[in-house]
Every structure is written in C-alpha cells, then in structure tokens.
Amino acid sequence: MGKYTGYNYTTVTTSSYGDHWHNFRRIGAIEIFSARRLNAFASVREDEVRRMLVKLSRDSRRGFARVDLNSIFRDLTFNNIMRMVAGKMYYGDEVMDDDKGSEFTELIAQALNYGGSANPADFLPVLNWFGGYEKKVKKLTEKIDGLMQELIDEHRCKKLGNNNNNNNSTIHHLLKLKQSDL
C-alpha cells in the first residue's frame, strides 16, 4: 500500500528518515498539528459531538433503543477529519452531496480493507500473476487521487464560497501557504 497510495514511499508516514521526512515533519508540526491550528477547529469538533448527541437522543425518545456505536463513532471521527481537512461532511444523515459522500465512504472502506491485510504476493511474488492485488490498489489510488484533486480544485476555484468552515480548512490553509511561498 505504501508504494502505491504513498507515492512510492514519499509521504510523511511512509518515507524514510532524511531531509524529505524532516521537511514533512516540520510542515506538519508547525502548520497542521500545532495547538493554534487545532484550536481553530474547536468549533468543528463541538458541532460534530453535538450532532452525535442529537442523533443519540433522537434514537432514545421512545425508550430504550439499540444503538450501533460503531457507525456513530465512525461518522464522528471521519466527519471531524473531513471538516478539518476540506470543510465538508461525507458521513451521516446530513451529508450535502450524497453521491460524493457515498463514493468517499466506499473508497475509505476499500483502502482500510487493502491496508489492513497482508498481500500474499509480498511473500510469494509468483502470486502477482494471479491475485491482481497490485492492479486493484493502483485503481483505488487513482480514484482517491481524483477525489482529493476535486477537493483541492474546489478550494482553488472558491466554489465553496466564503463559508467560515471552508476558509478555515487545512486545504485552504496549505494553498495559502503555497501561494505565499511563490
């Protein structure tokens, strides 16, 4: 997975220790995961927790109800991440663009499926002829890249308007940094 989804091991999580890794780490520590940036997203986290509690209370109005906490916590986690990164929700009942939301959900599920299991062809390379794992991961990577490029293009074209959440997104912040470096 690191070879294909990690751009031949050049992302911060897959690259080897060196100058490239140090540069990624510096950008991550200062521009993405700093206390100031994370505090800027406090309202997003509060809103998502409020949405989760409203959903739980709605389910329990008629007395005791069986609740699937896996899906609720998945929605909470991924919506927090996507609202911080792109300023959009892709999980849950209140998704704006249902087609993109379902496509994103499917792509993440496939990536977790492929990343969570070992490829038998890594141990016996002759199995590459039969399995098709590499082809499936390459196709998945192309789909994820396309979706991410759409998010970046939307921010570049300002299709999302001047909504405060979108101007506060990580994509918006990194595009501003890139523009200021030129």
C-alpha atoms as a PDB file:
ATOM      1  CA  MET A   1       0.000   0.000   0.000  1.00  0.00           C
ATOM      2  CA  GLY A   2       2.840   2.412   0.818  1.00  0.00           C
ATOM      3  CA  LYS A   3       4.243   2.030  -2.651  1.00  0.00           C
ATOM      4  CA  TYR A   4       1.016   2.950  -4.440  1.00  0.00           C
ATOM      5  CA  THR A   5      -1.031   5.074  -2.053  1.00  0.00           C
ATOM      6  CA  GLY A   6       2.097   6.582  -0.504  1.00  0.00           C
ATOM      7  CA  TYR A   7       3.543   7.737  -3.849  1.00  0.00           C
ATOM      8  CA  ASN A   8       6.453   5.294  -3.799  1.00  0.00           C
ATOM      9  CA  TYR A   9       7.106   5.811  -0.080  1.00  0.00           C
ATOM     10  CA  THR A  10       7.360   9.620  -0.231  1.00  0.00           C
ATOM     11  CA  THR A  11       4.599  10.603   2.223  1.00  0.00           C
ATOM     12  CA  VAL A  12       5.335  11.523   5.823  1.00  0.00           C
ATOM     13  CA  THR A  13       4.078   8.178   7.111  1.00  0.00           C
ATOM     14  CA  THR A  14       5.955   6.033   4.599  1.00  0.00           C
ATOM     15  CA  SER A  15       9.161   7.931   3.778  1.00  0.00           C
ATOM     16  CA  SER A  16      12.469   7.021   5.313  1.00  0.00           C
ATOM     17  CA  TYR A  17      14.258   9.277   7.750  1.00  0.00           C
ATOM     18  CA  GLY A  18      16.054  12.110   5.964  1.00  0.00           C
ATOM     19  CA  ASP A  19      15.683  15.648   4.633  1.00  0.00           C
ATOM     20  CA  HIS A  20      12.391  14.888   2.883  1.00  0.00           C
ATOM     21  CA  TRP A  21      10.932  13.417   6.077  1.00  0.00           C
ATOM     22  CA  HIS A  22      12.224  16.376   8.151  1.00  0.00           C
ATOM     23  CA  ASN A  23      10.543  18.851   5.802  1.00  0.00           C
ATOM     24  CA  PHE A  24       7.218  16.983   6.034  1.00  0.00           C
ATOM     25  CA  ARG A  25       7.526  16.766   9.806  1.00  0.00           C
ATOM     26  CA  ARG A  26       8.227  20.497  10.104  1.00  0.00           C
ATOM     27  CA  ILE A  27       5.207  21.397   7.961  1.00  0.00           C
ATOM     28  CA  GLY A  28       3.022  19.000   9.933  1.00  0.00           C
ATOM     29  CA  ALA A  29       4.178  20.197  13.343  1.00  0.00           C
ATOM     30  CA  ILE A  30       4.027  23.906  12.577  1.00  0.00           C
ATOM     31  CA  GLU A  31       1.253  24.322  10.010  1.00  0.00           C
ATOM     32  CA  ILE A  32      -1.153  21.407  10.501  1.00  0.00           C
ATOM     33  CA  PHE A  33      -0.924  19.934  14.009  1.00  0.00           C
ATOM     34  CA  SER A  34       0.105  22.971  16.036  1.00  0.00           C
ATOM     35  CA  ALA A  35      -2.006  23.902  19.057  1.00  0.00           C
ATOM     36  CA  ARG A  36      -3.092  27.101  17.312  1.00  0.00           C
ATOM     37  CA  ARG A  37      -4.371  25.245  14.218  1.00  0.00           C
ATOM     38  CA  LEU A  38      -6.073  22.521  16.266  1.00  0.00           C
ATOM     39  CA  ASN A  39      -7.767  25.141  18.471  1.00  0.00           C
ATOM     40  CA  ALA A  40      -9.062  26.815  15.313  1.00  0.00           C
ATOM     41  CA  PHE A  41     -11.079  23.632  14.697  1.00  0.00           C
ATOM     42  CA  ALA A  42     -12.631  23.502  18.181  1.00  0.00           C
ATOM     43  CA  SER A  43     -15.989  24.652  16.808  1.00  0.00           C
ATOM     44  CA  VAL A  44     -15.962  21.821  14.244  1.00  0.00           C
ATOM     45  CA  ARG A  45     -15.328  19.220  16.929  1.00  0.00           C
ATOM     46  CA  GLU A  46     -18.003  20.719  19.195  1.00  0.00           C
ATOM     47  CA  ASP A  47     -20.517  20.745  16.351  1.00  0.00           C
ATOM     48  CA  GLU A  48     -19.838  17.115  15.455  1.00  0.00           C
ATOM     49  CA  VAL A  49     -20.195  15.983  19.075  1.00  0.00           C
ATOM     50  CA  ARG A  50     -23.444  17.979  19.316  1.00  0.00           C
ATOM     51  CA  ARG A  51     -24.718  16.262  16.145  1.00  0.00           C
ATOM     52  CA  MET A  52     -23.808  12.865  17.586  1.00  0.00           C
ATOM     53  CA  LEU A  53     -25.639  13.609  20.856  1.00  0.00           C
ATOM     54  CA  VAL A  54     -28.719  14.850  18.995  1.00  0.00           C
ATOM     55  CA  LYS A  55     -28.758  11.665  16.950  1.00  0.00           C
ATOM     56  CA  LEU A  56     -28.440   9.519  20.083  1.00  0.00           C
ATOM     57  CA  SER A  57     -31.192  11.444  21.859  1.00  0.00           C
ATOM     58  CA  ARG A  58     -33.449  11.179  18.804  1.00  0.00           C
ATOM     59  CA  ASP A  59     -32.992   7.397  18.836  1.00  0.00           C
ATOM     60  CA  SER A  60     -33.844   7.125  22.538  1.00  0.00           C
ATOM     61  CA  ARG A  61     -37.052   9.235  22.632  1.00  0.00           C
ATOM     62  CA  ARG A  62     -39.293   6.192  22.631  1.00  0.00           C
ATOM     63  CA  GLY A  63     -37.464   4.490  25.494  1.00  0.00           C
ATOM     64  CA  PHE A  64     -34.565   2.139  25.303  1.00  0.00           C
ATOM     65  CA  ALA A  65     -33.147   1.643  21.852  1.00  0.00           C
ATOM     66  CA  ARG A  66     -30.415  -0.488  20.429  1.00  0.00           C
ATOM     67  CA  VAL A  67     -27.656   1.750  19.064  1.00  0.00           C
ATOM     68  CA  ASP A  68     -24.846   0.870  16.687  1.00  0.00           C
ATOM     69  CA  LEU A  69     -21.960   2.791  18.254  1.00  0.00           C
ATOM     70  CA  ASN A  70     -19.517   1.640  15.569  1.00  0.00           C
ATOM     71  CA  SER A  71     -21.275   3.639  12.869  1.00  0.00           C
ATOM     72  CA  ILE A  72     -21.855   6.623  15.152  1.00  0.00           C
ATOM     73  CA  PHE A  73     -18.207   6.872  16.178  1.00  0.00           C
ATOM     74  CA  ARG A  74     -17.096   6.261  12.575  1.00  0.00           C
ATOM     75  CA  ASP A  75     -19.283   9.136  11.395  1.00  0.00           C
ATOM     76  CA  LEU A  76     -17.999  11.359  14.203  1.00  0.00           C
ATOM     77  CA  THR A  77     -14.348  10.594  13.504  1.00  0.00           C
ATOM     78  CA  PHE A  78     -14.418  10.852   9.723  1.00  0.00           C
ATOM     79  CA  ASN A  79     -16.634  13.950   9.714  1.00  0.00           C
ATOM     80  CA  ASN A  80     -14.238  15.633  12.135  1.00  0.00           C
ATOM     81  CA  ILE A  81     -11.316  14.777   9.888  1.00  0.00           C
ATOM     82  CA  MET A  82     -13.006  15.777   6.632  1.00  0.00           C
ATOM     83  CA  ARG A  83     -14.436  19.013   8.017  1.00  0.00           C
ATOM     84  CA  MET A  84     -10.979  19.966   9.275  1.00  0.00           C
ATOM     85  CA  VAL A  85      -9.243  18.959   6.048  1.00  0.00           C
ATOM     86  CA  ALA A  86     -11.777  20.038   3.421  1.00  0.00           C
ATOM     87  CA  GLY A  87     -14.619  21.818   5.201  1.00  0.00           C
ATOM     88  CA  LYS A  88     -17.172  19.183   4.091  1.00  0.00           C
ATOM     89  CA  MET A  89     -19.122  16.349   5.695  1.00  0.00           C
ATOM     90  CA  TYR A  90     -19.133  12.963   3.999  1.00  0.00           C
ATOM     91  CA  TYR A  91     -20.662  10.725   6.674  1.00  0.00           C
ATOM     92  CA  GLY A  92     -24.017  10.567   8.418  1.00  0.00           C
ATOM     93  CA  ASP A  93     -27.532  11.833   7.788  1.00  0.00           C
ATOM     94  CA  GLU A  94     -26.717  15.462   6.980  1.00  0.00           C
ATOM     95  CA  VAL A  95     -24.390  14.967   4.009  1.00  0.00           C
ATOM     96  CA  MET A  96     -24.792  17.720   1.391  1.00  0.00           C
ATOM     97  CA  ASP A  97     -23.585  15.821  -1.696  1.00  0.00           C
ATOM     98  CA  ASP A  98     -24.837  12.274  -1.177  1.00  0.00           C
ATOM     99  CA  ASP A  99     -23.123  10.826  -4.282  1.00  0.00           C
ATOM    100  CA  LYS A 100     -19.691  12.167  -3.322  1.00  0.00           C
ATOM    101  CA  GLY A 101     -20.317  11.123   0.264  1.00  0.00           C
ATOM    102  CA  SER A 102     -21.090   7.536  -0.671  1.00  0.00           C
ATOM    103  CA  GLU A 103     -18.135   7.445  -3.097  1.00  0.00           C
ATOM    104  CA  PHE A 104     -15.790   8.747  -0.413  1.00  0.00           C
ATOM    105  CA  THR A 105     -17.152   6.288   2.158  1.00  0.00           C
ATOM    106  CA  GLU A 106     -16.649   3.397  -0.267  1.00  0.00           C
ATOM    107  CA  LEU A 107     -13.083   4.472  -1.128  1.00  0.00           C
ATOM    108  CA  ILE A 108     -12.096   4.760   2.539  1.00  0.00           C
ATOM    109  CA  ALA A 109     -13.606   1.331   3.277  1.00  0.00           C
ATOM    110  CA  GLN A 110     -11.635  -0.200   0.381  1.00  0.00           C
ATOM    111  CA  ALA A 111      -8.409   1.498   1.485  1.00  0.00           C
ATOM    112  CA  LEU A 112      -8.848   0.230   5.033  1.00  0.00           C
ATOM    113  CA  ASN A 113      -9.612  -3.233   3.690  1.00  0.00           C
ATOM    114  CA  TYR A 114      -6.497  -3.360   1.492  1.00  0.00           C
ATOM    115  CA  GLY A 115      -4.277  -1.704   4.082  1.00  0.00           C
ATOM    116  CA  GLY A 116      -5.477  -3.875   6.933  1.00  0.00           C
ATOM    117  CA  SER A 117      -4.431  -7.167   5.388  1.00  0.00           C
ATOM    118  CA  ALA A 118      -1.171  -8.523   4.095  1.00  0.00           C
ATOM    119  CA  ASN A 119      -0.673  -9.120   0.414  1.00  0.00           C
ATOM    120  CA  PRO A 120       0.278 -12.783  -0.060  1.00  0.00           C
ATOM    121  CA  ALA A 121       2.293 -11.801  -3.151  1.00  0.00           C
ATOM    122  CA  ASP A 122       4.692  -9.906  -0.871  1.00  0.00           C
ATOM    123  CA  PHE A 123       5.754 -13.278   0.479  1.00  0.00           C
ATOM    124  CA  LEU A 124       5.480 -15.281  -2.742  1.00  0.00           C
ATOM    125  CA  PRO A 125       6.000 -12.923  -5.727  1.00  0.00           C
ATOM    126  CA  VAL A 126       4.745 -15.537  -8.187  1.00  0.00           C
ATOM    127  CA  LEU A 127       1.237 -14.864  -6.815  1.00  0.00           C
ATOM    128  CA  ASN A 128       1.291 -11.430  -8.501  1.00  0.00           C
ATOM    129  CA  TRP A 129       0.392 -13.226 -11.716  1.00  0.00           C
ATOM    130  CA  PHE A 130      -2.880 -14.476 -10.237  1.00  0.00           C
ATOM    131  CA  GLY A 131      -4.038 -12.119  -7.488  1.00  0.00           C
ATOM    132  CA  GLY A 132      -4.475  -8.740  -9.105  1.00  0.00           C
ATOM    133  CA  TYR A 133      -3.850  -7.005  -5.763  1.00  0.00           C
ATOM    134  CA  GLU A 134      -1.454  -4.518  -7.317  1.00  0.00           C
ATOM    135  CA  LYS A 135      -3.935  -3.608 -10.071  1.00  0.00           C
ATOM    136  CA  LYS A 136      -6.756  -3.132  -7.553  1.00  0.00           C
ATOM    137  CA  VAL A 137      -4.634  -0.891  -5.312  1.00  0.00           C
ATOM    138  CA  LYS A 138      -3.473   1.195  -8.290  1.00  0.00           C
ATOM    139  CA  LYS A 139      -7.089   1.686  -9.379  1.00  0.00           C
ATOM    140  CA  LEU A 140      -8.100   2.616  -5.819  1.00  0.00           C
ATOM    141  CA  THR A 141      -5.228   5.102  -5.624  1.00  0.00           C
ATOM    142  CA  GLU A 142      -6.335   6.748  -8.869  1.00  0.00           C
ATOM    143  CA  LYS A 143      -9.883   7.131  -7.513  1.00  0.00           C
ATOM    144  CA  ILE A 144      -8.665   8.593  -4.201  1.00  0.00           C
ATOM    145  CA  ASP A 145      -6.310  10.962  -6.036  1.00  0.00           C
ATOM    146  CA  GLY A 146      -9.181  12.098  -8.252  1.00  0.00           C
ATOM    147  CA  LEU A 147     -11.418  12.788  -5.274  1.00  0.00           C
ATOM    148  CA  MET A 148      -8.677  14.687  -3.439  1.00  0.00           C
ATOM    149  CA  GLN A 149      -7.861  16.696  -6.564  1.00  0.00           C
ATOM    150  CA  GLU A 150     -11.536  17.678  -6.821  1.00  0.00           C
ATOM    151  CA  LEU A 151     -11.424  18.956  -3.241  1.00  0.00           C
ATOM    152  CA  ILE A 152      -8.300  20.992  -3.980  1.00  0.00           C
ATOM    153  CA  ASP A 153      -9.764  22.357  -7.211  1.00  0.00           C
ATOM    154  CA  GLU A 154     -12.951  23.377  -5.381  1.00  0.00           C
ATOM    155  CA  HIS A 155     -10.886  25.353  -2.904  1.00  0.00           C
ATOM    156  CA  ARG A 156      -8.802  26.895  -5.672  1.00  0.00           C
ATOM    157  CA  CYS A 157     -11.869  27.974  -7.627  1.00  0.00           C
ATOM    158  CA  LYS A 158     -13.649  29.100  -4.446  1.00  0.00           C
ATOM    159  CA  LYS A 159     -16.744  27.150  -5.444  1.00  0.00           C
ATOM    160  CA  LEU A 160     -17.429  26.624  -1.775  1.00  0.00           C
ATOM    161  CA  GLY A 161     -17.992  30.344  -1.222  1.00  0.00           C
ATOM    162  CA  ASN A 162     -16.778  32.322   1.744  1.00  0.00           C
ATOM    163  CA  ASN A 163     -18.126  29.962   4.354  1.00  0.00           C
ATOM    164  CA  ASN A 164     -16.042  30.267   7.508  1.00  0.00           C
ATOM    165  CA  ASN A 165     -15.559  26.496   7.836  1.00  0.00           C
ATOM    166  CA  ASN A 166     -14.153  26.229   4.331  1.00  0.00           C
ATOM    167  CA  ASN A 167     -11.765  29.151   4.781  1.00  0.00           C
ATOM    168  CA  ASN A 168     -10.605  27.502   7.973  1.00  0.00           C
ATOM    169  CA  SER A 169      -9.910  24.143   6.300  1.00  0.00           C
ATOM    170  CA  THR A 170      -6.451  22.619   6.098  1.00  0.00           C
ATOM    171  CA  ILE A 171      -6.589  22.564   2.284  1.00  0.00           C
ATOM    172  CA  HIS A 172      -7.347  26.296   2.247  1.00  0.00           C
ATOM    173  CA  HIS A 173      -4.513  26.970   4.704  1.00  0.00           C
ATOM    174  CA  LEU A 174      -1.955  24.910   2.753  1.00  0.00           C
ATOM    175  CA  LEU A 175      -2.967  26.515  -0.557  1.00  0.00           C
ATOM    176  CA  LYS A 176      -2.480  29.934   1.060  1.00  0.00           C
ATOM    177  CA  LEU A 177       0.979  28.839   2.271  1.00  0.00           C
ATOM    178  CA  LYS A 178       1.888  27.580  -1.188  1.00  0.00           C
ATOM    179  CA  GLN A 179       0.758  30.853  -2.770  1.00  0.00           C
ATOM    180  CA  SER A 180       2.792  32.897  -0.277  1.00  0.00           C
ATOM    181  CA  ASP A 181       5.927  30.827  -0.977  1.00  0.00           C
ATOM    182  CA  LEU A 182       5.813  31.716  -4.691  1.00  0.00           C
END
